[in-house]
């Protein structure tokens, strides 16, 4: 009877050892997965931070570019308005000169008409 009890104890010890080994293996796997998760979390955090920095830089560059274009457009608008005003002034001057030339032409036509009638 003691042999079978010793055999059962040895069998139980083997089962316990096997379960202990398996639990240790599962524990190592859990620790490895936890370590991998932490590494991935860290990597994702760095990527997110890098992405935010990149987007912030792109936004800043875009804002500068927009401000530059707006400034250039304002300068172009101002230049065109000055040109328009200059052309309006020239048009007014030309209209005045045309009116004077018409008056002079009418005077000359009248003078020629009087000379032709006098002959």
C-alpha atoms as a PDB file:
ATOM      1  CA  UNK A   1       0.000   0.000   0.000  1.00  0.00           C
ATOM      2  CA  UNK A   2       2.804   2.370   0.672  1.00  0.00           C
ATOM      3  CA  UNK A   3       4.155   1.734  -2.810  1.00  0.00           C
ATOM      4  CA  UNK A   4       0.952   2.797  -4.426  1.00  0.00           C
ATOM      5  CA  UNK A   5       0.746   5.820  -2.104  1.00  0.00           C
ATOM      6  CA  UNK A   6       4.337   6.735  -2.968  1.00  0.00           C
ATOM      7  CA  UNK A   7       3.493   6.264  -6.647  1.00  0.00           C
ATOM      8  CA  UNK A   8       0.463   8.498  -6.315  1.00  0.00           C
ATOM      9  CA  UNK A   9       2.498  11.128  -4.491  1.00  0.00           C
ATOM     10  CA  UNK A  10       5.160  10.969  -7.208  1.00  0.00           C
ATOM     11  CA  UNK A  11       2.454  11.238  -9.842  1.00  0.00           C
ATOM     12  CA  UNK A  12       0.948  14.249  -8.022  1.00  0.00           C
ATOM     13  CA  UNK A  13       4.410  15.811  -7.718  1.00  0.00           C
ATOM     14  CA  UNK A  14       4.922  15.345 -11.465  1.00  0.00           C
ATOM     15  CA  UNK A  15       1.519  16.915 -12.183  1.00  0.00           C
ATOM     16  CA  UNK A  16       2.333  19.804  -9.819  1.00  0.00           C
ATOM     17  CA  UNK A  17       5.748  20.240 -11.452  1.00  0.00           C
ATOM     18  CA  UNK A  18       4.175  20.143 -14.909  1.00  0.00           C
ATOM     19  CA  UNK A  19       1.535  22.731 -13.857  1.00  0.00           C
ATOM     20  CA  UNK A  20       4.211  24.897 -12.258  1.00  0.00           C
ATOM     21  CA  UNK A  21       6.281  24.734 -15.452  1.00  0.00           C
ATOM     22  CA  UNK A  22       3.222  25.575 -17.538  1.00  0.00           C
ATOM     23  CA  UNK A  23       2.265  28.470 -15.220  1.00  0.00           C
ATOM     24  CA  UNK A  24       5.830  29.801 -15.422  1.00  0.00           C
ATOM     25  CA  UNK A  25       5.674  29.543 -19.211  1.00  0.00           C
ATOM     26  CA  UNK A  26       2.330  31.409 -19.290  1.00  0.00           C
ATOM     27  CA  UNK A  27       3.739  34.010 -16.882  1.00  0.00           C
ATOM     28  CA  UNK A  28       6.757  34.545 -19.177  1.00  0.00           C
ATOM     29  CA  UNK A  29       4.413  34.843 -22.165  1.00  0.00           C
ATOM     30  CA  UNK A  30       2.280  37.400 -20.300  1.00  0.00           C
ATOM     31  CA  UNK A  31       5.396  39.349 -19.307  1.00  0.00           C
ATOM     32  CA  UNK A  32       6.640  39.239 -22.909  1.00  0.00           C
ATOM     33  CA  UNK A  33       3.280  40.414 -24.235  1.00  0.00           C
ATOM     34  CA  UNK A  34       3.182  43.176 -21.610  1.00  0.00           C
ATOM     35  CA  UNK A  35       6.668  44.252 -22.634  1.00  0.00           C
ATOM     36  CA  UNK A  36       5.670  44.216 -26.322  1.00  0.00           C
ATOM     37  CA  UNK A  37       2.520  46.207 -25.512  1.00  0.00           C
ATOM     38  CA  UNK A  38       4.565  48.794 -23.615  1.00  0.00           C
ATOM     39  CA  UNK A  39       7.043  49.023 -26.506  1.00  0.00           C
ATOM     40  CA  UNK A  40       4.184  49.452 -29.002  1.00  0.00           C
ATOM     41  CA  UNK A  41       2.511  52.061 -26.785  1.00  0.00           C
ATOM     42  CA  UNK A  42       5.811  53.920 -26.567  1.00  0.00           C
ATOM     43  CA  UNK A  43       6.326  53.691 -30.346  1.00  0.00           C
ATOM     44  CA  UNK A  44       2.773  54.888 -31.049  1.00  0.00           C
ATOM     45  CA  UNK A  45       3.222  57.742 -28.597  1.00  0.00           C
ATOM     46  CA  UNK A  46       6.431  58.823 -30.373  1.00  0.00           C
ATOM     47  CA  UNK A  47       4.793  58.518 -33.791  1.00  0.00           C
ATOM     48  CA  UNK A  48       1.803  60.524 -32.619  1.00  0.00           C
ATOM     49  CA  UNK A  49       4.076  63.213 -31.192  1.00  0.00           C
ATOM     50  CA  UNK A  50       6.155  63.269 -34.392  1.00  0.00           C
ATOM     51  CA  UNK A  51       2.962  63.511 -36.452  1.00  0.00           C
ATOM     52  CA  UNK A  52       1.726  66.412 -34.341  1.00  0.00           C
ATOM     53  CA  UNK A  53       5.049  68.205 -34.739  1.00  0.00           C
ATOM     54  CA  UNK A  54       5.008  67.621 -38.498  1.00  0.00           C
ATOM     55  CA  UNK A  55       1.427  68.877 -38.815  1.00  0.00           C
ATOM     56  CA  UNK A  56       2.227  71.913 -36.660  1.00  0.00           C
ATOM     57  CA  UNK A  57       5.217  72.723 -38.873  1.00  0.00           C
ATOM     58  CA  UNK A  58       3.134  72.275 -42.024  1.00  0.00           C
ATOM     59  CA  UNK A  59       0.390  74.480 -40.589  1.00  0.00           C
ATOM     60  CA  UNK A  60       2.911  77.175 -39.674  1.00  0.00           C
ATOM     61  CA  UNK A  61       4.487  76.999 -43.141  1.00  0.00           C
ATOM     62  CA  UNK A  62       1.060  77.144 -44.777  1.00  0.00           C
ATOM     63  CA  UNK A  63       0.079  80.153 -42.656  1.00  0.00           C
ATOM     64  CA  UNK A  64       3.301  81.942 -43.639  1.00  0.00           C
ATOM     65  CA  UNK A  65       2.692  81.093 -47.278  1.00  0.00           C
ATOM     66  CA  UNK A  66      -0.901  82.378 -47.104  1.00  0.00           C
ATOM     67  CA  UNK A  67       0.249  85.610 -45.430  1.00  0.00           C
ATOM     68  CA  UNK A  68       2.901  86.036 -48.113  1.00  0.00           C
ATOM     69  CA  UNK A  69       0.362  85.503 -50.886  1.00  0.00           C
ATOM     70  CA  UNK A  70      -2.102  87.903 -49.237  1.00  0.00           C
ATOM     71  CA  UNK A  71       0.625  90.550 -48.937  1.00  0.00           C
ATOM     72  CA  UNK A  72       1.617  90.033 -52.562  1.00  0.00           C
ATOM     73  CA  UNK A  73      -2.031  90.244 -53.635  1.00  0.00           C
ATOM     74  CA  UNK A  74      -2.549  93.457 -51.664  1.00  0.00           C
ATOM     75  CA  UNK A  75       0.539  94.969 -53.271  1.00  0.00           C
ATOM     76  CA  UNK A  76      -0.670  93.886 -56.720  1.00  0.00           C
ATOM     77  CA  UNK A  77      -4.139  95.305 -56.011  1.00  0.00           C
ATOM     78  CA  UNK A  78      -2.615  98.594 -54.910  1.00  0.00           C
ATOM     79  CA  UNK A  79      -0.440  98.715 -58.026  1.00  0.00           C
ATOM     80  CA  UNK A  80      -3.447  98.018 -60.248  1.00  0.00           C
ATOM     81  CA  UNK A  81      -5.567 100.658 -58.490  1.00  0.00           C
ATOM     82  CA  UNK A  82      -2.803 103.221 -59.028  1.00  0.00           C
ATOM     83  CA  UNK A  83      -2.618 102.199 -62.667  1.00  0.00           C
ATOM     84  CA  UNK A  84      -6.413 102.505 -63.021  1.00  0.00           C
ATOM     85  CA  UNK A  85      -6.361 105.969 -61.448  1.00  0.00           C
ATOM     86  CA  UNK A  86      -3.523 106.996 -63.747  1.00  0.00           C
ATOM     87  CA  UNK A  87      -5.450 105.724 -66.782  1.00  0.00           C
ATOM     88  CA  UNK A  88      -8.593 107.569 -65.633  1.00  0.00           C
ATOM     89  CA  UNK A  89      -6.556 110.775 -65.355  1.00  0.00           C
ATOM     90  CA  UNK A  90      -5.069 110.209 -68.814  1.00  0.00           C
ATOM     91  CA  UNK A  91      -8.562 109.505 -70.199  1.00  0.00           C
ATOM     92  CA  UNK A  92      -9.886 112.743 -68.724  1.00  0.00           C
ATOM     93  CA  UNK A  93      -6.917 114.660 -70.165  1.00  0.00           C
ATOM     94  CA  UNK A  94      -7.440 113.044 -73.578  1.00  0.00           C
ATOM     95  CA  UNK A  95     -11.148 113.830 -73.493  1.00  0.00           C
ATOM     96  CA  UNK A  96     -10.303 117.464 -72.734  1.00  0.00           C
ATOM     97  CA  UNK A  97      -7.772 117.545 -75.584  1.00  0.00           C
ATOM     98  CA  UNK A  98     -10.351 115.959 -77.924  1.00  0.00           C
ATOM     99  CA  UNK A  99     -12.936 118.575 -76.951  1.00  0.00           C
ATOM    100  CA  UNK A 100     -10.419 121.350 -77.664  1.00  0.00           C
ATOM    101  CA  UNK A 101      -9.473 119.723 -80.991  1.00  0.00           C
ATOM    102  CA  UNK A 102     -13.175 119.445 -81.939  1.00  0.00           C
ATOM    103  CA  UNK A 103     -13.678 123.104 -81.124  1.00  0.00           C
ATOM    104  CA  UNK A 104     -10.632 124.005 -83.146  1.00  0.00           C
ATOM    105  CA  UNK A 105     -11.791 121.796 -86.037  1.00  0.00           C
ATOM    106  CA  UNK A 106     -15.223 123.382 -85.952  1.00  0.00           C
ATOM    107  CA  UNK A 107     -13.590 126.790 -85.943  1.00  0.00           C
ATOM    108  CA  UNK A 108     -11.401 125.847 -88.879  1.00  0.00           C
ATOM    109  CA  UNK A 109     -14.364 124.388 -90.773  1.00  0.00           C
ATOM    110  CA  UNK A 110     -16.337 127.549 -90.122  1.00  0.00           C
ATOM    111  CA  UNK A 111     -13.396 129.677 -91.258  1.00  0.00           C
ATOM    112  CA  UNK A 112     -12.947 127.566 -94.404  1.00  0.00           C
ATOM    113  CA  UNK A 113     -16.697 127.738 -95.061  1.00  0.00           C
ATOM    114  CA  UNK A 114     -16.621 131.547 -94.739  1.00  0.00           C
ATOM    115  CA  UNK A 115     -13.605 131.808 -97.045  1.00  0.00           C
ATOM    116  CA  UNK A 116     -15.281 129.586 -99.636  1.00  0.00           C
ATOM    117  CA  UNK A 117     -18.451 131.690 -99.509  1.00  0.00           C
ATOM    118  CA  UNK A 118     -16.441 134.861 -99.766  1.00  0.00           C
ATOM    119  CA  UNK A 119     -14.910 133.752-103.010  1.00  0.00           C
END
